[in-house]
Amino acid sequence: MAFVQPRELASSARRTVVELRPRSCRRSLKAALLFWGLRSALLGLPAFVLVLGSPSAAWESTGRSLAALPLRAAQTDPPLSIELDVSEPISGKKRAKLLARAREKLLAVRRRWGLAMVQRVVSIVVRLELMAVRDPKEVAVLLSDTLEATRRGITDFTGSNEYKFGDISKAAFSKFSTQALSRVSNYTGKDDYEFGDLSKATIAKFTQKDEYEFGDVSKAAVSKLTDSTKAAVKQITGKDEYVFGDLARAAMAKLTGGNNNSS
């Protein structure tokens, strides 16, 4: 009996490098980028991003990476070299099944758009408040990139290039089932939804205040910290009572060798 070495098996597998021109794969690229972009933007963020003092590099890169993804490949773009395994050619039936699964995933993301906006709004509010005292320029860049990435998703979701205030909410709620709408009514306490109701209701439940003021989310987040976390904050800042910006000032003091005491 002859034994075939693993290397021979690997080399015998038929593999080829196929050069795909941007124009020929424009639709598939757009669908793939749109799917992964929406998935990352809407489902990749936690309900409350409470990163006190040191912003997460992964969160910061989300907006920039999404904004950098082109929805259409320009004709001047260089060709893409993609390695494809053609040892088992994809049949038409299998290809149709894969496309159907991709459409189902995309529709699932779209159905969750409205509720995911709640998480996104609160996350951005907390994020900007915690970053504002550290680096205002970084806040401006991050917000700009996030808005640009969101704009590209809005174009496909609403089916309109000219966005009008409230289009996202209208498109999202037009796709909601009756059960989902009743849940929103119970959550906001209103039968008729208006733009901003979900985020207002979320912030009100989190801060226990009807009228939101800058810093309320951060203060509420600190008040909900566990005893062990409070002890860690006290060790870093050297204070019993946390004041908004203490962690950032303590971090900067450690970097510059300055004094963390603030009036």
C-alpha atoms as a PDB file:
ATOM      1  CA  MET A   1       0.000   0.000   0.000  1.00  0.00           C
ATOM      2  CA  ALA A   2       1.331   3.427  -0.968  1.00  0.00           C
ATOM      3  CA  PHE A   3       1.157   6.200   1.602  1.00  0.00           C
ATOM      4  CA  VAL A   4       0.616   9.769   0.469  1.00  0.00           C
ATOM      5  CA  GLN A   5       2.452  12.436   2.451  1.00  0.00           C
ATOM      6  CA  PRO A   6       0.420  15.395   3.777  1.00  0.00           C
ATOM      7  CA  ARG A   7       2.551  17.792   1.745  1.00  0.00           C
ATOM      8  CA  GLU A   8       1.648  15.925  -1.433  1.00  0.00           C
ATOM      9  CA  LEU A   9      -2.025  16.109  -0.527  1.00  0.00           C
ATOM     10  CA  ALA A  10      -1.766  19.823   0.102  1.00  0.00           C
ATOM     11  CA  SER A  11       0.077  20.475  -3.143  1.00  0.00           C
ATOM     12  CA  SER A  12      -2.373  18.356  -5.113  1.00  0.00           C
ATOM     13  CA  ALA A  13      -5.331  20.461  -4.026  1.00  0.00           C
ATOM     14  CA  ARG A  14      -6.304  22.777  -6.819  1.00  0.00           C
ATOM     15  CA  ARG A  15      -5.932  26.374  -5.694  1.00  0.00           C
ATOM     16  CA  THR A  16      -5.758  29.432  -7.869  1.00  0.00           C
ATOM     17  CA  VAL A  17      -5.453  33.184  -7.484  1.00  0.00           C
ATOM     18  CA  VAL A  18      -8.277  34.958  -9.263  1.00  0.00           C
ATOM     19  CA  GLU A  19      -7.948  38.629 -10.136  1.00  0.00           C
ATOM     20  CA  LEU A  20     -11.250  40.361  -9.555  1.00  0.00           C
ATOM     21  CA  ARG A  21     -11.740  43.756 -11.120  1.00  0.00           C
ATOM     22  CA  PRO A  22     -13.707  46.241  -8.975  1.00  0.00           C
ATOM     23  CA  ARG A  23     -16.367  46.776 -11.626  1.00  0.00           C
ATOM     24  CA  SER A  24     -17.041  43.054 -11.995  1.00  0.00           C
ATOM     25  CA  CYS A  25     -17.526  42.500  -8.248  1.00  0.00           C
ATOM     26  CA  ARG A  26     -19.100  45.820  -7.324  1.00  0.00           C
ATOM     27  CA  ARG A  27     -22.393  44.330  -6.175  1.00  0.00           C
ATOM     28  CA  SER A  28     -20.822  41.544  -4.119  1.00  0.00           C
ATOM     29  CA  LEU A  29     -18.376  43.968  -2.499  1.00  0.00           C
ATOM     30  CA  LYS A  30     -21.162  46.402  -1.663  1.00  0.00           C
ATOM     31  CA  ALA A  31     -23.297  43.664  -0.134  1.00  0.00           C
ATOM     32  CA  ALA A  32     -20.418  42.259   1.918  1.00  0.00           C
ATOM     33  CA  LEU A  33     -19.243  45.643   3.181  1.00  0.00           C
ATOM     34  CA  LEU A  34     -22.778  46.726   3.985  1.00  0.00           C
ATOM     35  CA  PHE A  35     -23.502  43.525   5.904  1.00  0.00           C
ATOM     36  CA  TRP A  36     -20.341  43.587   8.008  1.00  0.00           C
ATOM     37  CA  GLY A  37     -20.479  47.361   8.437  1.00  0.00           C
ATOM     38  CA  LEU A  38     -24.032  47.310   9.798  1.00  0.00           C
ATOM     39  CA  ARG A  39     -23.273  44.257  11.923  1.00  0.00           C
ATOM     40  CA  SER A  40     -20.273  45.953  13.528  1.00  0.00           C
ATOM     41  CA  ALA A  41     -21.961  49.323  13.909  1.00  0.00           C
ATOM     42  CA  LEU A  42     -25.248  48.089  15.328  1.00  0.00           C
ATOM     43  CA  LEU A  43     -24.489  44.853  17.154  1.00  0.00           C
ATOM     44  CA  GLY A  44     -20.862  45.232  18.130  1.00  0.00           C
ATOM     45  CA  LEU A  45     -21.378  47.942  20.756  1.00  0.00           C
ATOM     46  CA  PRO A  46     -22.381  47.088  24.340  1.00  0.00           C
ATOM     47  CA  ALA A  47     -25.426  48.670  25.953  1.00  0.00           C
ATOM     48  CA  PHE A  48     -23.320  50.982  28.107  1.00  0.00           C
ATOM     49  CA  VAL A  49     -19.693  51.710  27.275  1.00  0.00           C
ATOM     50  CA  LEU A  50     -18.369  52.668  30.681  1.00  0.00           C
ATOM     51  CA  VAL A  51     -14.666  52.986  30.024  1.00  0.00           C
ATOM     52  CA  LEU A  52     -13.604  55.378  32.739  1.00  0.00           C
ATOM     53  CA  GLY A  53     -10.443  57.310  32.029  1.00  0.00           C
ATOM     54  CA  SER A  54      -8.801  55.231  29.277  1.00  0.00           C
ATOM     55  CA  PRO A  55     -10.739  55.003  25.964  1.00  0.00           C
ATOM     56  CA  SER A  56     -10.780  51.639  24.228  1.00  0.00           C
ATOM     57  CA  ALA A  57      -8.725  51.492  21.038  1.00  0.00           C
ATOM     58  CA  ALA A  58     -11.153  48.999  19.538  1.00  0.00           C
ATOM     59  CA  TRP A  59     -14.138  51.304  20.085  1.00  0.00           C
ATOM     60  CA  GLU A  60     -12.261  54.287  18.646  1.00  0.00           C
ATOM     61  CA  SER A  61     -11.322  52.367  15.509  1.00  0.00           C
ATOM     62  CA  THR A  62     -14.917  51.290  14.841  1.00  0.00           C
ATOM     63  CA  GLY A  63     -16.025  54.618  13.390  1.00  0.00           C
ATOM     64  CA  ARG A  64     -12.799  55.110  11.452  1.00  0.00           C
ATOM     65  CA  SER A  65     -12.781  51.615   9.967  1.00  0.00           C
ATOM     66  CA  LEU A  66     -16.426  51.872   8.901  1.00  0.00           C
ATOM     67  CA  ALA A  67     -15.910  55.329   7.433  1.00  0.00           C
ATOM     68  CA  ALA A  68     -12.930  54.036   5.454  1.00  0.00           C
ATOM     69  CA  LEU A  69     -14.942  51.267   3.786  1.00  0.00           C
ATOM     70  CA  PRO A  70     -16.051  52.305   0.274  1.00  0.00           C
ATOM     71  CA  LEU A  71     -19.555  51.375  -0.789  1.00  0.00           C
ATOM     72  CA  ARG A  72     -18.462  51.416  -4.415  1.00  0.00           C
ATOM     73  CA  ALA A  73     -15.086  50.657  -5.868  1.00  0.00           C
ATOM     74  CA  ALA A  74     -13.792  53.392  -8.144  1.00  0.00           C
ATOM     75  CA  GLN A  75     -12.678  52.436 -11.644  1.00  0.00           C
ATOM     76  CA  THR A  76      -9.175  53.632 -10.847  1.00  0.00           C
ATOM     77  CA  ASP A  77      -8.835  51.270  -7.867  1.00  0.00           C
ATOM     78  CA  PRO A  78      -6.201  48.534  -8.269  1.00  0.00           C
ATOM     79  CA  PRO A  79      -7.489  44.977  -8.833  1.00  0.00           C
ATOM     80  CA  LEU A  80      -8.050  42.790  -5.784  1.00  0.00           C
ATOM     81  CA  SER A  81      -6.103  39.530  -5.544  1.00  0.00           C
ATOM     82  CA  ILE A  82      -8.185  36.936  -3.710  1.00  0.00           C
ATOM     83  CA  GLU A  83      -7.158  33.320  -3.185  1.00  0.00           C
ATOM     84  CA  LEU A  84     -10.043  30.966  -3.879  1.00  0.00           C
ATOM     85  CA  ASP A  85     -10.208  27.233  -3.203  1.00  0.00           C
ATOM     86  CA  VAL A  86     -11.716  25.694  -6.330  1.00  0.00           C
ATOM     87  CA  SER A  87     -11.072  22.064  -5.417  1.00  0.00           C
ATOM     88  CA  GLU A  88     -14.843  21.860  -4.896  1.00  0.00           C
ATOM     89  CA  PRO A  89     -16.607  24.319  -7.238  1.00  0.00           C
ATOM     90  CA  ILE A  90     -19.617  26.106  -5.764  1.00  0.00           C
ATOM     91  CA  SER A  91     -22.777  24.933  -7.461  1.00  0.00           C
ATOM     92  CA  GLY A  92     -25.593  27.248  -8.412  1.00  0.00           C
ATOM     93  CA  LYS A  93     -27.811  25.700  -5.738  1.00  0.00           C
ATOM     94  CA  LYS A  94     -25.183  26.211  -3.023  1.00  0.00           C
ATOM     95  CA  ARG A  95     -24.521  29.763  -4.186  1.00  0.00           C
ATOM     96  CA  ALA A  96     -28.237  30.595  -3.983  1.00  0.00           C
ATOM     97  CA  LYS A  97     -28.385  29.111  -0.472  1.00  0.00           C
ATOM     98  CA  LEU A  98     -25.429  31.244   0.662  1.00  0.00           C
ATOM     99  CA  LEU A  99     -27.010  34.391  -0.784  1.00  0.00           C
ATOM    100  CA  ALA A 100     -30.310  33.592   0.937  1.00  0.00           C
ATOM    101  CA  ARG A 101     -28.539  33.217   4.295  1.00  0.00           C
ATOM    102  CA  ALA A 102     -26.741  36.535   3.757  1.00  0.00           C
ATOM    103  CA  ARG A 103     -30.059  38.269   3.023  1.00  0.00           C
ATOM    104  CA  GLU A 104     -31.605  36.770   6.164  1.00  0.00           C
ATOM    105  CA  LYS A 105     -28.719  38.062   8.291  1.00  0.00           C
ATOM    106  CA  LEU A 106     -28.997  41.529   6.756  1.00  0.00           C
ATOM    107  CA  LEU A 107     -32.755  41.642   7.365  1.00  0.00           C
ATOM    108  CA  ALA A 108     -32.223  40.579  10.969  1.00  0.00           C
ATOM    109  CA  VAL A 109     -29.801  43.469  11.450  1.00  0.00           C
ATOM    110  CA  ARG A 110     -32.261  45.908   9.898  1.00  0.00           C
ATOM    111  CA  ARG A 111     -35.097  44.759  12.179  1.00  0.00           C
ATOM    112  CA  ARG A 112     -32.914  45.457  15.206  1.00  0.00           C
ATOM    113  CA  TRP A 113     -31.822  48.878  13.931  1.00  0.00           C
ATOM    114  CA  GLY A 114     -34.280  50.876  16.026  1.00  0.00           C
ATOM    115  CA  LEU A 115     -33.494  49.172  19.326  1.00  0.00           C
ATOM    116  CA  ALA A 116     -29.775  49.159  18.563  1.00  0.00           C
ATOM    117  CA  MET A 117     -29.971  52.941  18.212  1.00  0.00           C
ATOM    118  CA  VAL A 118     -30.772  53.095  21.931  1.00  0.00           C
ATOM    119  CA  GLN A 119     -27.513  51.343  22.744  1.00  0.00           C
ATOM    120  CA  ARG A 120     -25.616  53.479  20.256  1.00  0.00           C
ATOM    121  CA  VAL A 121     -26.958  56.811  21.523  1.00  0.00           C
ATOM    122  CA  VAL A 122     -26.232  56.043  25.165  1.00  0.00           C
ATOM    123  CA  SER A 123     -22.802  54.626  24.305  1.00  0.00           C
ATOM    124  CA  ILE A 124     -21.853  57.737  22.340  1.00  0.00           C
ATOM    125  CA  VAL A 125     -23.103  60.071  25.089  1.00  0.00           C
ATOM    126  CA  VAL A 126     -21.096  58.269  27.762  1.00  0.00           C
ATOM    127  CA  ARG A 127     -18.083  58.001  25.490  1.00  0.00           C
ATOM    128  CA  LEU A 128     -17.973  61.675  24.575  1.00  0.00           C
ATOM    129  CA  GLU A 129     -18.450  62.808  28.155  1.00  0.00           C
ATOM    130  CA  LEU A 130     -15.573  60.665  29.344  1.00  0.00           C
ATOM    131  CA  MET A 131     -13.317  61.758  26.486  1.00  0.00           C
ATOM    132  CA  ALA A 132     -14.151  65.463  26.483  1.00  0.00           C
ATOM    133  CA  VAL A 133     -11.899  66.313  29.423  1.00  0.00           C
ATOM    134  CA  ARG A 134      -9.079  64.233  27.998  1.00  0.00           C
ATOM    135  CA  ASP A 135      -8.819  65.184  24.345  1.00  0.00           C
ATOM    136  CA  PRO A 136     -11.461  67.443  22.705  1.00  0.00           C
ATOM    137  CA  LYS A 137      -9.803  67.046  19.297  1.00  0.00           C
ATOM    138  CA  GLU A 138     -10.091  63.274  19.506  1.00  0.00           C
ATOM    139  CA  VAL A 139     -13.779  63.632  20.363  1.00  0.00           C
ATOM    140  CA  ALA A 140     -14.377  65.783  17.285  1.00  0.00           C
ATOM    141  CA  VAL A 141     -12.590  63.325  14.963  1.00  0.00           C
ATOM    142  CA  LEU A 142     -14.397  60.309  16.411  1.00  0.00           C
ATOM    143  CA  LEU A 143     -17.799  61.978  16.151  1.00  0.00           C
ATOM    144  CA  SER A 144     -17.114  63.014  12.550  1.00  0.00           C
ATOM    145  CA  ASP A 145     -16.061  59.487  11.553  1.00  0.00           C
ATOM    146  CA  THR A 146     -19.062  57.956  13.313  1.00  0.00           C
ATOM    147  CA  LEU A 147     -21.483  60.296  11.551  1.00  0.00           C
ATOM    148  CA  GLU A 148     -19.897  59.521   8.176  1.00  0.00           C
ATOM    149  CA  ALA A 149     -20.146  55.775   8.767  1.00  0.00           C
ATOM    150  CA  THR A 150     -23.747  56.151   9.903  1.00  0.00           C
ATOM    151  CA  ARG A 151     -24.596  58.245   6.834  1.00  0.00           C
ATOM    152  CA  ARG A 152     -23.471  55.439   4.532  1.00  0.00           C
ATOM    153  CA  GLY A 153     -25.674  52.981   6.369  1.00  0.00           C
ATOM    154  CA  ILE A 154     -28.602  55.397   6.304  1.00  0.00           C
ATOM    155  CA  THR A 155     -28.487  55.631   2.502  1.00  0.00           C
ATOM    156  CA  ASP A 156     -29.163  51.925   2.108  1.00  0.00           C
ATOM    157  CA  PHE A 157     -31.550  51.592   5.045  1.00  0.00           C
ATOM    158  CA  THR A 158     -33.894  54.415   4.068  1.00  0.00           C
ATOM    159  CA  GLY A 159     -33.435  54.007   0.308  1.00  0.00           C
ATOM    160  CA  SER A 160     -32.847  57.726  -0.046  1.00  0.00           C
ATOM    161  CA  ASN A 161     -29.700  59.713  -0.734  1.00  0.00           C
ATOM    162  CA  GLU A 162     -31.281  62.881   0.643  1.00  0.00           C
ATOM    163  CA  TYR A 163     -31.698  62.263   4.357  1.00  0.00           C
ATOM    164  CA  LYS A 164     -34.348  64.180   6.257  1.00  0.00           C
ATOM    165  CA  PHE A 165     -34.535  64.442  10.018  1.00  0.00           C
ATOM    166  CA  GLY A 166     -36.498  61.451  11.329  1.00  0.00           C
ATOM    167  CA  ASP A 167     -36.098  59.226   8.251  1.00  0.00           C
ATOM    168  CA  ILE A 168     -34.256  56.544  10.224  1.00  0.00           C
ATOM    169  CA  SER A 169     -36.977  56.338  12.846  1.00  0.00           C
ATOM    170  CA  LYS A 170     -39.736  56.191  10.224  1.00  0.00           C
ATOM    171  CA  ALA A 171     -37.948  53.499   8.214  1.00  0.00           C
ATOM    172  CA  ALA A 172     -37.170  51.454  11.313  1.00  0.00           C
ATOM    173  CA  PHE A 173     -40.675  51.580  12.734  1.00  0.00           C
ATOM    174  CA  SER A 174     -42.243  50.816   9.374  1.00  0.00           C
ATOM    175  CA  LYS A 175     -40.364  47.490   9.532  1.00  0.00           C
ATOM    176  CA  PHE A 176     -41.283  46.721  13.155  1.00  0.00           C
ATOM    177  CA  SER A 177     -43.929  44.169  14.012  1.00  0.00           C
ATOM    178  CA  THR A 178     -46.951  45.081  16.135  1.00  0.00           C
ATOM    179  CA  GLN A 179     -45.407  43.294  19.108  1.00  0.00           C
ATOM    180  CA  ALA A 180     -42.205  45.323  18.823  1.00  0.00           C
ATOM    181  CA  LEU A 181     -44.178  48.569  18.601  1.00  0.00           C
ATOM    182  CA  SER A 182     -46.113  47.698  21.757  1.00  0.00           C
ATOM    183  CA  ARG A 183     -42.826  47.075  23.561  1.00  0.00           C
ATOM    184  CA  VAL A 184     -41.568  50.493  22.503  1.00  0.00           C
ATOM    185  CA  SER A 185     -44.800  52.086  23.743  1.00  0.00           C
ATOM    186  CA  ASN A 186     -44.406  50.400  27.113  1.00  0.00           C
ATOM    187  CA  TYR A 187     -40.762  51.458  27.277  1.00  0.00           C
ATOM    188  CA  THR A 188     -41.298  55.114  26.415  1.00  0.00           C
ATOM    189  CA  GLY A 189     -44.757  55.451  27.973  1.00  0.00           C
ATOM    190  CA  LYS A 190     -46.126  56.968  24.750  1.00  0.00           C
ATOM    191  CA  ASP A 191     -48.394  55.552  22.045  1.00  0.00           C
ATOM    192  CA  ASP A 192     -47.028  57.783  19.279  1.00  0.00           C
ATOM    193  CA  TYR A 193     -43.274  57.595  18.811  1.00  0.00           C
ATOM    194  CA  GLU A 194     -41.285  60.767  18.237  1.00  0.00           C
ATOM    195  CA  PHE A 195     -37.639  61.060  17.318  1.00  0.00           C
ATOM    196  CA  GLY A 196     -35.520  60.828  20.470  1.00  0.00           C
ATOM    197  CA  ASP A 197     -38.129  59.128  22.675  1.00  0.00           C
ATOM    198  CA  LEU A 198     -36.153  55.898  22.984  1.00  0.00           C
ATOM    199  CA  SER A 199     -32.901  57.586  23.934  1.00  0.00           C
ATOM    200  CA  LYS A 200     -34.699  59.923  26.362  1.00  0.00           C
ATOM    201  CA  ALA A 201     -36.451  56.995  28.024  1.00  0.00           C
ATOM    202  CA  THR A 202     -33.194  55.055  28.301  1.00  0.00           C
ATOM    203  CA  ILE A 203     -31.300  57.971  29.822  1.00  0.00           C
ATOM    204  CA  ALA A 204     -34.183  58.726  32.194  1.00  0.00           C
ATOM    205  CA  LYS A 205     -34.256  55.131  33.431  1.00  0.00           C
ATOM    206  CA  PHE A 206     -30.479  55.094  33.852  1.00  0.00           C
ATOM    207  CA  THR A 207     -30.051  58.474  35.556  1.00  0.00           C
ATOM    208  CA  GLN A 208     -33.418  58.473  37.389  1.00  0.00           C
ATOM    209  CA  LYS A 209     -33.965  62.020  36.098  1.00  0.00           C
ATOM    210  CA  ASP A 210     -36.535  63.364  33.641  1.00  0.00           C
ATOM    211  CA  GLU A 211     -34.408  66.301  32.475  1.00  0.00           C
ATOM    212  CA  TYR A 212     -30.952  65.342  31.231  1.00  0.00           C
ATOM    213  CA  GLU A 213     -27.939  67.539  31.935  1.00  0.00           C
ATOM    214  CA  PHE A 214     -24.399  67.128  30.662  1.00  0.00           C
ATOM    215  CA  GLY A 215     -22.575  64.698  32.949  1.00  0.00           C
ATOM    216  CA  ASP A 216     -25.675  62.939  34.311  1.00  0.00           C
ATOM    217  CA  VAL A 217     -24.920  59.642  32.572  1.00  0.00           C
ATOM    218  CA  SER A 218     -21.355  59.565  33.863  1.00  0.00           C
ATOM    219  CA  LYS A 219     -22.444  60.454  37.402  1.00  0.00           C
ATOM    220  CA  ALA A 220     -25.106  57.743  37.330  1.00  0.00           C
ATOM    221  CA  ALA A 221     -22.556  55.248  36.025  1.00  0.00           C
ATOM    222  CA  VAL A 222     -20.168  56.042  38.871  1.00  0.00           C
ATOM    223  CA  SER A 223     -22.991  55.757  41.417  1.00  0.00           C
ATOM    224  CA  LYS A 224     -23.709  52.228  40.163  1.00  0.00           C
ATOM    225  CA  LEU A 225     -20.123  51.048  40.598  1.00  0.00           C
ATOM    226  CA  THR A 226     -19.502  48.128  42.916  1.00  0.00           C
ATOM    227  CA  ASP A 227     -17.542  48.552  46.146  1.00  0.00           C
ATOM    228  CA  SER A 228     -14.481  46.885  44.647  1.00  0.00           C
ATOM    229  CA  THR A 229     -14.543  49.230  41.660  1.00  0.00           C
ATOM    230  CA  LYS A 230     -15.007  52.255  43.928  1.00  0.00           C
ATOM    231  CA  ALA A 231     -11.976  51.138  45.906  1.00  0.00           C
ATOM    232  CA  ALA A 232      -9.980  50.937  42.687  1.00  0.00           C
ATOM    233  CA  VAL A 233     -11.118  54.431  41.666  1.00  0.00           C
ATOM    234  CA  LYS A 234     -10.167  55.774  45.092  1.00  0.00           C
ATOM    235  CA  GLN A 235      -6.738  54.176  44.796  1.00  0.00           C
ATOM    236  CA  ILE A 236      -6.184  55.846  41.422  1.00  0.00           C
ATOM    237  CA  THR A 237      -7.567  59.291  42.250  1.00  0.00           C
ATOM    238  CA  GLY A 238      -6.794  59.407  45.961  1.00  0.00           C
ATOM    239  CA  LYS A 239     -10.292  60.753  46.671  1.00  0.00           C
ATOM    240  CA  ASP A 240     -13.257  59.351  48.574  1.00  0.00           C
ATOM    241  CA  GLU A 241     -15.819  61.209  46.457  1.00  0.00           C
ATOM    242  CA  TYR A 242     -15.504  60.916  42.693  1.00  0.00           C
ATOM    243  CA  VAL A 243     -15.917  64.093  40.652  1.00  0.00           C
ATOM    244  CA  PHE A 244     -16.385  64.041  36.880  1.00  0.00           C
ATOM    245  CA  GLY A 245     -12.935  64.158  35.277  1.00  0.00           C
ATOM    246  CA  ASP A 246     -10.996  62.830  38.288  1.00  0.00           C
ATOM    247  CA  LEU A 247      -9.870  59.670  36.521  1.00  0.00           C
ATOM    248  CA  ALA A 248      -8.671  61.574  33.476  1.00  0.00           C
ATOM    249  CA  ARG A 249      -6.787  64.085  35.644  1.00  0.00           C
ATOM    250  CA  ALA A 250      -5.248  61.269  37.685  1.00  0.00           C
ATOM    251  CA  ALA A 251      -4.106  59.528  34.519  1.00  0.00           C
ATOM    252  CA  MET A 252      -2.588  62.727  33.124  1.00  0.00           C
ATOM    253  CA  ALA A 253      -0.891  63.427  36.461  1.00  0.00           C
ATOM    254  CA  LYS A 254       0.768  60.017  36.384  1.00  0.00           C
ATOM    255  CA  LEU A 255       1.967  60.614  32.838  1.00  0.00           C
ATOM    256  CA  THR A 256       3.291  64.121  33.430  1.00  0.00           C
ATOM    257  CA  GLY A 257       4.413  63.619  37.010  1.00  0.00           C
ATOM    258  CA  GLY A 258       2.181  66.474  38.132  1.00  0.00           C
ATOM    259  CA  ASN A 259      -0.109  66.844  41.110  1.00  0.00           C
ATOM    260  CA  ASN A 260      -3.588  65.332  40.938  1.00  0.00           C
ATOM    261  CA  ASN A 261      -5.100  67.664  43.550  1.00  0.00           C
ATOM    262  CA  SER A 262      -7.844  69.824  42.119  1.00  0.00           C
ATOM    263  CA  SER A 263      -9.756  72.607  43.746  1.00  0.00           C
END
